[in-house]
Amino acid sequence: MTARNMTLRTLDVLEALAGYAANGASNAELAHAARTSPADISRITKLLITKGWARKSEDSGRFYPTAQFTRLTFRVLADFERA
């Protein structure tokens, strides 16, 4: 996979993960939602976890967006309010 494709897939996964904030998403659910393979999900979620934008539940194995990622929304809103 090229770096550009990996970047686009990562953004697709992050976008999909945002829809699973309450209950988390399994590897298979993310693969389906982002239209990619479970192997890609494994690589991408490791990257997102390293960045601090996702976490994996040790109990369920499900993936969740982190507060660090969701705070980006508030930064965007604050910038609009300043404008």
PDB file of N, CA and C in Angstrom:
ATOM      1  N   MET A   1       0.854  -1.174   0.000  1.00  0.00           N
ATOM      2  CA  MET A   1       0.000   0.000   0.000  1.00  0.00           C
ATOM      3  C   MET A   1       0.900   1.236   0.000  1.00  0.00           C
ATOM      4  N   THR A   2       0.579   2.200  -0.854  1.00  0.00           N
ATOM      5  CA  THR A   2       1.373   3.424  -0.914  1.00  0.00           C
ATOM      6  C   THR A   2       1.094   4.278   0.319  1.00  0.00           C
ATOM      7  N   ALA A   3       1.998   5.205   0.581  1.00  0.00           N
ATOM      8  CA  ALA A   3       1.827   6.097   1.737  1.00  0.00           C
ATOM      9  C   ALA A   3       0.542   6.908   1.601  1.00  0.00           C
ATOM     10  N   ARG A   4       0.233   7.343   0.397  1.00  0.00           N
ATOM     11  CA  ARG A   4      -0.993   8.119   0.177  1.00  0.00           C
ATOM     12  C   ARG A   4      -2.230   7.281   0.479  1.00  0.00           C
ATOM     13  N   ASN A   5      -2.242   6.042  -0.013  1.00  0.00           N
ATOM     14  CA  ASN A   5      -3.378   5.159   0.244  1.00  0.00           C
ATOM     15  C   ASN A   5      -3.514   4.847   1.728  1.00  0.00           C
ATOM     16  N   MET A   6      -2.382   4.648   2.394  1.00  0.00           N
ATOM     17  CA  MET A   6      -2.409   4.368   3.836  1.00  0.00           C
ATOM     18  C   MET A   6      -2.974   5.573   4.590  1.00  0.00           C
ATOM     19  N   THR A   7      -2.590   6.760   4.182  1.00  0.00           N
ATOM     20  CA  THR A   7      -3.102   7.973   4.817  1.00  0.00           C
ATOM     21  C   THR A   7      -4.606   8.082   4.630  1.00  0.00           C
ATOM     22  N   LEU A   8      -5.071   7.850   3.417  1.00  0.00           N
ATOM     23  CA  LEU A   8      -6.506   7.934   3.145  1.00  0.00           C
ATOM     24  C   LEU A   8      -7.273   6.862   3.908  1.00  0.00           C
ATOM     25  N   ARG A   9      -6.737   5.648   3.971  1.00  0.00           N
ATOM     26  CA  ARG A   9      -7.383   4.574   4.723  1.00  0.00           C
ATOM     27  C   ARG A   9      -7.433   4.906   6.209  1.00  0.00           C
ATOM     28  N   THR A  10      -6.356   5.487   6.715  1.00  0.00           N
ATOM     29  CA  THR A  10      -6.310   5.867   8.129  1.00  0.00           C
ATOM     30  C   THR A  10      -7.388   6.898   8.431  1.00  0.00           C
ATOM     31  N   LEU A  11      -7.550   7.870   7.561  1.00  0.00           N
ATOM     32  CA  LEU A  11      -8.599   8.872   7.763  1.00  0.00           C
ATOM     33  C   LEU A  11      -9.982   8.247   7.666  1.00  0.00           C
ATOM     34  N   ASP A  12     -10.167   7.301   6.760  1.00  0.00           N
ATOM     35  CA  ASP A  12     -11.451   6.592   6.659  1.00  0.00           C
ATOM     36  C   ASP A  12     -11.758   5.843   7.956  1.00  0.00           C
ATOM     37  N   VAL A  13     -10.756   5.193   8.509  1.00  0.00           N
ATOM     38  CA  VAL A  13     -10.940   4.434   9.746  1.00  0.00           C
ATOM     39  C   VAL A  13     -11.242   5.375  10.905  1.00  0.00           C
ATOM     40  N   LEU A  14     -10.541   6.478  10.971  1.00  0.00           N
ATOM     41  CA  LEU A  14     -10.786   7.449  12.033  1.00  0.00           C
ATOM     42  C   LEU A  14     -12.202   8.014  11.929  1.00  0.00           C
ATOM     43  N   GLU A  15     -12.636   8.289  10.724  1.00  0.00           N
ATOM     44  CA  GLU A  15     -14.000   8.770  10.506  1.00  0.00           C
ATOM     45  C   GLU A  15     -15.016   7.710  10.939  1.00  0.00           C
ATOM     46  N   ALA A  16     -14.772   6.467  10.590  1.00  0.00           N
ATOM     47  CA  ALA A  16     -15.669   5.376  10.993  1.00  0.00           C
ATOM     48  C   ALA A  16     -15.663   5.212  12.510  1.00  0.00           C
ATOM     49  N   LEU A  17     -14.487   5.275  13.119  1.00  0.00           N
ATOM     50  CA  LEU A  17     -14.361   5.086  14.559  1.00  0.00           C
ATOM     51  C   LEU A  17     -15.156   6.146  15.332  1.00  0.00           C
ATOM     52  N   ALA A  18     -15.252   7.336  14.779  1.00  0.00           N
ATOM     53  CA  ALA A  18     -16.013   8.401  15.435  1.00  0.00           C
ATOM     54  C   ALA A  18     -17.480   8.017  15.606  1.00  0.00           C
ATOM     55  N   GLY A  19     -17.981   7.127  14.778  1.00  0.00           N
ATOM     56  CA  GLY A  19     -19.359   6.669  14.884  1.00  0.00           C
ATOM     57  C   GLY A  19     -19.564   5.550  15.897  1.00  0.00           C
ATOM     58  N   TYR A  20     -18.499   5.155  16.568  1.00  0.00           N
ATOM     59  CA  TYR A  20     -18.563   4.079  17.550  1.00  0.00           C
ATOM     60  C   TYR A  20     -18.081   4.539  18.923  1.00  0.00           C
ATOM     61  N   ALA A  21     -18.235   5.802  19.225  1.00  0.00           N
ATOM     62  CA  ALA A  21     -17.705   6.351  20.475  1.00  0.00           C
ATOM     63  C   ALA A  21     -18.338   5.708  21.706  1.00  0.00           C
ATOM     64  N   ALA A  22     -19.611   5.422  21.664  1.00  0.00           N
ATOM     65  CA  ALA A  22     -20.313   4.911  22.845  1.00  0.00           C
ATOM     66  C   ALA A  22     -20.010   3.438  23.131  1.00  0.00           C
ATOM     67  N   ASN A  23     -20.057   2.610  22.105  1.00  0.00           N
ATOM     68  CA  ASN A  23     -19.930   1.164  22.310  1.00  0.00           C
ATOM     69  C   ASN A  23     -18.662   0.558  21.742  1.00  0.00           C
ATOM     70  N   GLY A  24     -17.864   1.352  21.084  1.00  0.00           N
ATOM     71  CA  GLY A  24     -16.647   0.841  20.477  1.00  0.00           C
ATOM     72  C   GLY A  24     -16.952   0.022  19.236  1.00  0.00           C
ATOM     73  N   ALA A  25     -15.899  -0.317  18.510  1.00  0.00           N
ATOM     74  CA  ALA A  25     -16.047  -1.081  17.271  1.00  0.00           C
ATOM     75  C   ALA A  25     -15.072  -2.239  17.269  1.00  0.00           C
ATOM     76  N   SER A  26     -15.528  -3.338  16.747  1.00  0.00           N
ATOM     77  CA  SER A  26     -14.633  -4.481  16.570  1.00  0.00           C
ATOM     78  C   SER A  26     -13.780  -4.244  15.330  1.00  0.00           C
ATOM     79  N   ASN A  27     -12.752  -5.045  15.197  1.00  0.00           N
ATOM     80  CA  ASN A  27     -11.905  -4.984  14.008  1.00  0.00           C
ATOM     81  C   ASN A  27     -12.760  -5.174  12.756  1.00  0.00           C
ATOM     82  N   ALA A  28     -13.646  -6.160  12.786  1.00  0.00           N
ATOM     83  CA  ALA A  28     -14.497  -6.460  11.624  1.00  0.00           C
ATOM     84  C   ALA A  28     -15.459  -5.326  11.315  1.00  0.00           C
ATOM     85  N   GLU A  29     -16.033  -4.713  12.361  1.00  0.00           N
ATOM     86  CA  GLU A  29     -16.951  -3.592  12.135  1.00  0.00           C
ATOM     87  C   GLU A  29     -16.226  -2.408  11.499  1.00  0.00           C
ATOM     88  N   LEU A  30     -15.026  -2.127  11.975  1.00  0.00           N
ATOM     89  CA  LEU A  30     -14.256  -1.034  11.371  1.00  0.00           C
ATOM     90  C   LEU A  30     -13.873  -1.355   9.932  1.00  0.00           C
ATOM     91  N   ALA A  31     -13.495  -2.602   9.679  1.00  0.00           N
ATOM     92  CA  ALA A  31     -13.140  -3.006   8.317  1.00  0.00           C
ATOM     93  C   ALA A  31     -14.326  -2.810   7.379  1.00  0.00           C
ATOM     94  N   HIS A  32     -15.490  -3.216   7.831  1.00  0.00           N
ATOM     95  CA  HIS A  32     -16.700  -3.047   7.010  1.00  0.00           C
ATOM     96  C   HIS A  32     -17.024  -1.562   6.805  1.00  0.00           C
ATOM     97  N   ALA A  33     -17.007  -0.787   7.877  1.00  0.00           N
ATOM     98  CA  ALA A  33     -17.372   0.635   7.797  1.00  0.00           C
ATOM     99  C   ALA A  33     -16.389   1.434   6.940  1.00  0.00           C
ATOM    100  N   ALA A  34     -15.105   1.082   7.004  1.00  0.00           N
ATOM    101  CA  ALA A  34     -14.090   1.820   6.253  1.00  0.00           C
ATOM    102  C   ALA A  34     -13.781   1.167   4.901  1.00  0.00           C
ATOM    103  N   ARG A  35     -14.465   0.073   4.614  1.00  0.00           N
ATOM    104  CA  ARG A  35     -14.282  -0.644   3.344  1.00  0.00           C
ATOM    105  C   ARG A  35     -12.818  -1.007   3.115  1.00  0.00           C
ATOM    106  N   THR A  36     -12.270  -1.661   4.106  1.00  0.00           N
ATOM    107  CA  THR A  36     -10.888  -2.115   4.008  1.00  0.00           C
ATOM    108  C   THR A  36     -10.763  -3.477   4.676  1.00  0.00           C
ATOM    109  N   SER A  37      -9.589  -4.022   4.687  1.00  0.00           N
ATOM    110  CA  SER A  37      -9.395  -5.361   5.233  1.00  0.00           C
ATOM    111  C   SER A  37      -9.145  -5.327   6.739  1.00  0.00           C
ATOM    112  N   PRO A  38      -9.450  -6.420   7.427  1.00  0.00           N
ATOM    113  CA  PRO A  38      -9.121  -6.506   8.850  1.00  0.00           C
ATOM    114  C   PRO A  38      -7.620  -6.315   9.113  1.00  0.00           C
ATOM    115  N   ALA A  39      -6.770  -6.776   8.187  1.00  0.00           N
ATOM    116  CA  ALA A  39      -5.321  -6.584   8.350  1.00  0.00           C
ATOM    117  C   ALA A  39      -4.965  -5.101   8.317  1.00  0.00           C
ATOM    118  N   ASP A  40      -5.610  -4.342   7.413  1.00  0.00           N
ATOM    119  CA  ASP A  40      -5.394  -2.895   7.378  1.00  0.00           C
ATOM    120  C   ASP A  40      -5.849  -2.257   8.681  1.00  0.00           C
ATOM    121  N   ILE A  41      -6.987  -2.719   9.206  1.00  0.00           N
ATOM    122  CA  ILE A  41      -7.499  -2.175  10.469  1.00  0.00           C
ATOM    123  C   ILE A  41      -6.497  -2.396  11.585  1.00  0.00           C
ATOM    124  N   SER A  42      -5.905  -3.564  11.632  1.00  0.00           N
ATOM    125  CA  SER A  42      -4.908  -3.851  12.672  1.00  0.00           C
ATOM    126  C   SER A  42      -3.736  -2.881  12.594  1.00  0.00           C
ATOM    127  N   ARG A  43      -3.227  -2.647  11.394  1.00  0.00           N
ATOM    128  CA  ARG A  43      -2.117  -1.706  11.220  1.00  0.00           C
ATOM    129  C   ARG A  43      -2.535  -0.279  11.569  1.00  0.00           C
ATOM    130  N   ILE A  44      -3.703   0.103  11.089  1.00  0.00           N
ATOM    131  CA  ILE A  44      -4.155   1.481  11.268  1.00  0.00           C
ATOM    132  C   ILE A  44      -4.493   1.769  12.720  1.00  0.00           C
ATOM    133  N   THR A  45      -5.161   0.835  13.401  1.00  0.00           N
ATOM    134  CA  THR A  45      -5.498   1.096  14.803  1.00  0.00           C
ATOM    135  C   THR A  45      -4.241   1.176  15.664  1.00  0.00           C
ATOM    136  N   LYS A  46      -3.211   0.415  15.335  1.00  0.00           N
ATOM    137  CA  LYS A  46      -1.940   0.555  16.059  1.00  0.00           C
ATOM    138  C   LYS A  46      -1.387   1.955  15.898  1.00  0.00           C
ATOM    139  N   LEU A  47      -1.477   2.487  14.693  1.00  0.00           N
ATOM    140  CA  LEU A  47      -1.023   3.847  14.414  1.00  0.00           C
ATOM    141  C   LEU A  47      -1.846   4.875  15.201  1.00  0.00           C
ATOM    142  N   LEU A  48      -3.164   4.710  15.198  1.00  0.00           N
ATOM    143  CA  LEU A  48      -4.042   5.639  15.916  1.00  0.00           C
ATOM    144  C   LEU A  48      -3.835   5.555  17.426  1.00  0.00           C
ATOM    145  N   ILE A  49      -3.574   4.369  17.924  1.00  0.00           N
ATOM    146  CA  ILE A  49      -3.289   4.203  19.346  1.00  0.00           C
ATOM    147  C   ILE A  49      -1.976   4.903  19.693  1.00  0.00           C
ATOM    148  N   THR A  50      -0.968   4.744  18.849  1.00  0.00           N
ATOM    149  CA  THR A  50       0.320   5.413  19.066  1.00  0.00           C
ATOM    150  C   THR A  50       0.149   6.932  19.087  1.00  0.00           C
ATOM    151  N   LYS A  51      -0.692   7.455  18.214  1.00  0.00           N
ATOM    152  CA  LYS A  51      -0.958   8.893  18.155  1.00  0.00           C
ATOM    153  C   LYS A  51      -1.784   9.362  19.349  1.00  0.00           C
ATOM    154  N   GLY A  52      -2.476   8.435  20.000  1.00  0.00           N
ATOM    155  CA  GLY A  52      -3.324   8.794  21.128  1.00  0.00           C
ATOM    156  C   GLY A  52      -4.752   9.123  20.731  1.00  0.00           C
ATOM    157  N   TRP A  53      -5.122   8.781  19.507  1.00  0.00           N
ATOM    158  CA  TRP A  53      -6.463   9.096  19.018  1.00  0.00           C
ATOM    159  C   TRP A  53      -7.433   7.927  19.124  1.00  0.00           C
ATOM    160  N   ALA A  54      -6.946   6.760  19.486  1.00  0.00           N
ATOM    161  CA  ALA A  54      -7.795   5.580  19.665  1.00  0.00           C
ATOM    162  C   ALA A  54      -7.246   4.764  20.827  1.00  0.00           C
ATOM    163  N   ARG A  55      -8.138   3.941  21.373  1.00  0.00           N
ATOM    164  CA  ARG A  55      -7.712   3.011  22.415  1.00  0.00           C
ATOM    165  C   ARG A  55      -8.432   1.688  22.173  1.00  0.00           C
ATOM    166  N   LYS A  56      -7.833   0.626  22.691  1.00  0.00           N
ATOM    167  CA  LYS A  56      -8.433  -0.699  22.567  1.00  0.00           C
ATOM    168  C   LYS A  56      -8.753  -1.201  23.966  1.00  0.00           C
ATOM    169  N   SER A  57      -9.994  -1.601  24.170  1.00  0.00           N
ATOM    170  CA  SER A  57     -10.416  -2.145  25.445  1.00  0.00           C
ATOM    171  C   SER A  57      -9.741  -3.491  25.670  1.00  0.00           C
ATOM    172  N   GLU A  58      -9.094  -3.637  26.813  1.00  0.00           N
ATOM    173  CA  GLU A  58      -8.469  -4.922  27.140  1.00  0.00           C
ATOM    174  C   GLU A  58      -9.523  -5.991  27.414  1.00  0.00           C
ATOM    175  N   ASP A  59     -10.700  -5.572  27.879  1.00  0.00           N
ATOM    176  CA  ASP A  59     -11.762  -6.528  28.200  1.00  0.00           C
ATOM    177  C   ASP A  59     -12.470  -7.060  26.957  1.00  0.00           C
ATOM    178  N   SER A  60     -12.850  -6.149  26.067  1.00  0.00           N
ATOM    179  CA  SER A  60     -13.668  -6.545  24.920  1.00  0.00           C
ATOM    180  C   SER A  60     -12.905  -6.612  23.601  1.00  0.00           C
ATOM    181  N   GLY A  61     -11.752  -5.973  23.537  1.00  0.00           N
ATOM    182  CA  GLY A  61     -11.005  -5.913  22.282  1.00  0.00           C
ATOM    183  C   GLY A  61     -11.551  -4.892  21.308  1.00  0.00           C
ATOM    184  N   ARG A  62     -12.551  -4.118  21.744  1.00  0.00           N
ATOM    185  CA  ARG A  62     -13.172  -3.124  20.869  1.00  0.00           C
ATOM    186  C   ARG A  62     -12.358  -1.835  20.887  1.00  0.00           C
ATOM    187  N   PHE A  63     -12.447  -1.096  19.798  1.00  0.00           N
ATOM    188  CA  PHE A  63     -11.711   0.158  19.642  1.00  0.00           C
ATOM    189  C   PHE A  63     -12.637   1.353  19.877  1.00  0.00           C
ATOM    190  N   TYR A  64     -12.079   2.381  20.506  1.00  0.00           N
ATOM    191  CA  TYR A  64     -12.819   3.599  20.832  1.00  0.00           C
ATOM    192  C   TYR A  64     -11.982   4.817  20.461  1.00  0.00           C
ATOM    193  N   PRO A  65     -12.639   5.916  20.047  1.00  0.00           N
ATOM    194  CA  PRO A  65     -11.883   7.164  19.919  1.00  0.00           C
ATOM    195  C   PRO A  65     -11.555   7.662  21.325  1.00  0.00           C
ATOM    196  N   THR A  66     -10.456   8.352  21.474  1.00  0.00           N
ATOM    197  CA  THR A  66     -10.058   8.858  22.785  1.00  0.00           C
ATOM    198  C   THR A  66     -10.515  10.303  22.975  1.00  0.00           C
ATOM    199  N   ALA A  67     -10.442  10.745  24.220  1.00  0.00           N
ATOM    200  CA  ALA A  67     -10.756  12.144  24.519  1.00  0.00           C
ATOM    201  C   ALA A  67      -9.798  13.070  23.778  1.00  0.00           C
ATOM    202  N   GLN A  68      -8.558  12.653  23.629  1.00  0.00           N
ATOM    203  CA  GLN A  68      -7.579  13.472  22.906  1.00  0.00           C
ATOM    204  C   GLN A  68      -8.055  13.739  21.476  1.00  0.00           C
ATOM    205  N   PHE A  69      -8.604  12.723  20.827  1.00  0.00           N
ATOM    206  CA  PHE A  69      -9.125  12.916  19.475  1.00  0.00           C
ATOM    207  C   PHE A  69     -10.375  13.784  19.490  1.00  0.00           C
ATOM    208  N   THR A  70     -11.302  13.509  20.393  1.00  0.00           N
ATOM    209  CA  THR A  70     -12.565  14.249  20.392  1.00  0.00           C
ATOM    210  C   THR A  70     -12.375  15.712  20.776  1.00  0.00           C
ATOM    211  N   ARG A  71     -11.302  16.019  21.489  1.00  0.00           N
ATOM    212  CA  ARG A  71     -11.025  17.424  21.823  1.00  0.00           C
ATOM    213  C   ARG A  71     -10.749  18.262  20.584  1.00  0.00           C
ATOM    214  N   LEU A  72     -10.361  17.634  19.491  1.00  0.00           N
ATOM    215  CA  LEU A  72     -10.137  18.374  18.249  1.00  0.00           C
ATOM    216  C   LEU A  72     -11.403  19.112  17.818  1.00  0.00           C
ATOM    217  N   THR A  73     -12.541  18.498  18.040  1.00  0.00           N
ATOM    218  CA  THR A  73     -13.819  19.126  17.707  1.00  0.00           C
ATOM    219  C   THR A  73     -13.985  20.443  18.452  1.00  0.00           C
ATOM    220  N   PHE A  74     -13.645  20.430  19.729  1.00  0.00           N
ATOM    221  CA  PHE A  74     -13.794  21.638  20.535  1.00  0.00           C
ATOM    222  C   PHE A  74     -12.807  22.717  20.113  1.00  0.00           C
ATOM    223  N   ARG A  75     -11.639  22.313  19.655  1.00  0.00           N
ATOM    224  CA  ARG A  75     -10.675  23.289  19.148  1.00  0.00           C
ATOM    225  C   ARG A  75     -11.214  23.973  17.899  1.00  0.00           C
ATOM    226  N   VAL A  76     -11.859  23.195  17.034  1.00  0.00           N
ATOM    227  CA  VAL A  76     -12.453  23.765  15.823  1.00  0.00           C
ATOM    228  C   VAL A  76     -13.571  24.726  16.191  1.00  0.00           C
ATOM    229  N   LEU A  77     -14.458  24.313  17.099  1.00  0.00           N
ATOM    230  CA  LEU A  77     -15.555  25.180  17.528  1.00  0.00           C
ATOM    231  C   LEU A  77     -15.034  26.469  18.161  1.00  0.00           C
ATOM    232  N   ALA A  78     -14.009  26.373  18.981  1.00  0.00           N
ATOM    233  CA  ALA A  78     -13.444  27.564  19.631  1.00  0.00           C
ATOM    234  C   ALA A  78     -12.879  28.517  18.583  1.00  0.00           C
ATOM    235  N   ASP A  79     -12.255  27.982  17.542  1.00  0.00           N
ATOM    236  CA  ASP A  79     -11.719  28.848  16.497  1.00  0.00           C
ATOM    237  C   ASP A  79     -12.838  29.570  15.760  1.00  0.00           C
ATOM    238  N   PHE A  80     -13.946  28.880  15.482  1.00  0.00           N
ATOM    239  CA  PHE A  80     -15.082  29.535  14.841  1.00  0.00           C
ATOM    240  C   PHE A  80     -15.667  30.624  15.735  1.00  0.00           C
ATOM    241  N   GLU A  81     -15.721  30.363  17.033  1.00  0.00           N
ATOM    242  CA  GLU A  81     -16.249  31.378  17.963  1.00  0.00           C
ATOM    243  C   GLU A  81     -15.364  32.613  17.987  1.00  0.00           C
ATOM    244  N   ARG A  82     -14.053  32.416  17.915  1.00  0.00           N
ATOM    245  CA  ARG A  82     -13.129  33.559  17.880  1.00  0.00           C
ATOM    246  C   ARG A  82     -13.296  34.358  16.604  1.00  0.00           C
ATOM    247  N   ALA A  83     -13.621  33.692  15.515  1.00  0.00           N
ATOM    248  CA  ALA A  83     -13.769  34.371  14.215  1.00  0.00           C
ATOM    249  C   ALA A  83     -15.063  35.146  14.208  1.00  0.00           C
TER     250      ALA A  83
END
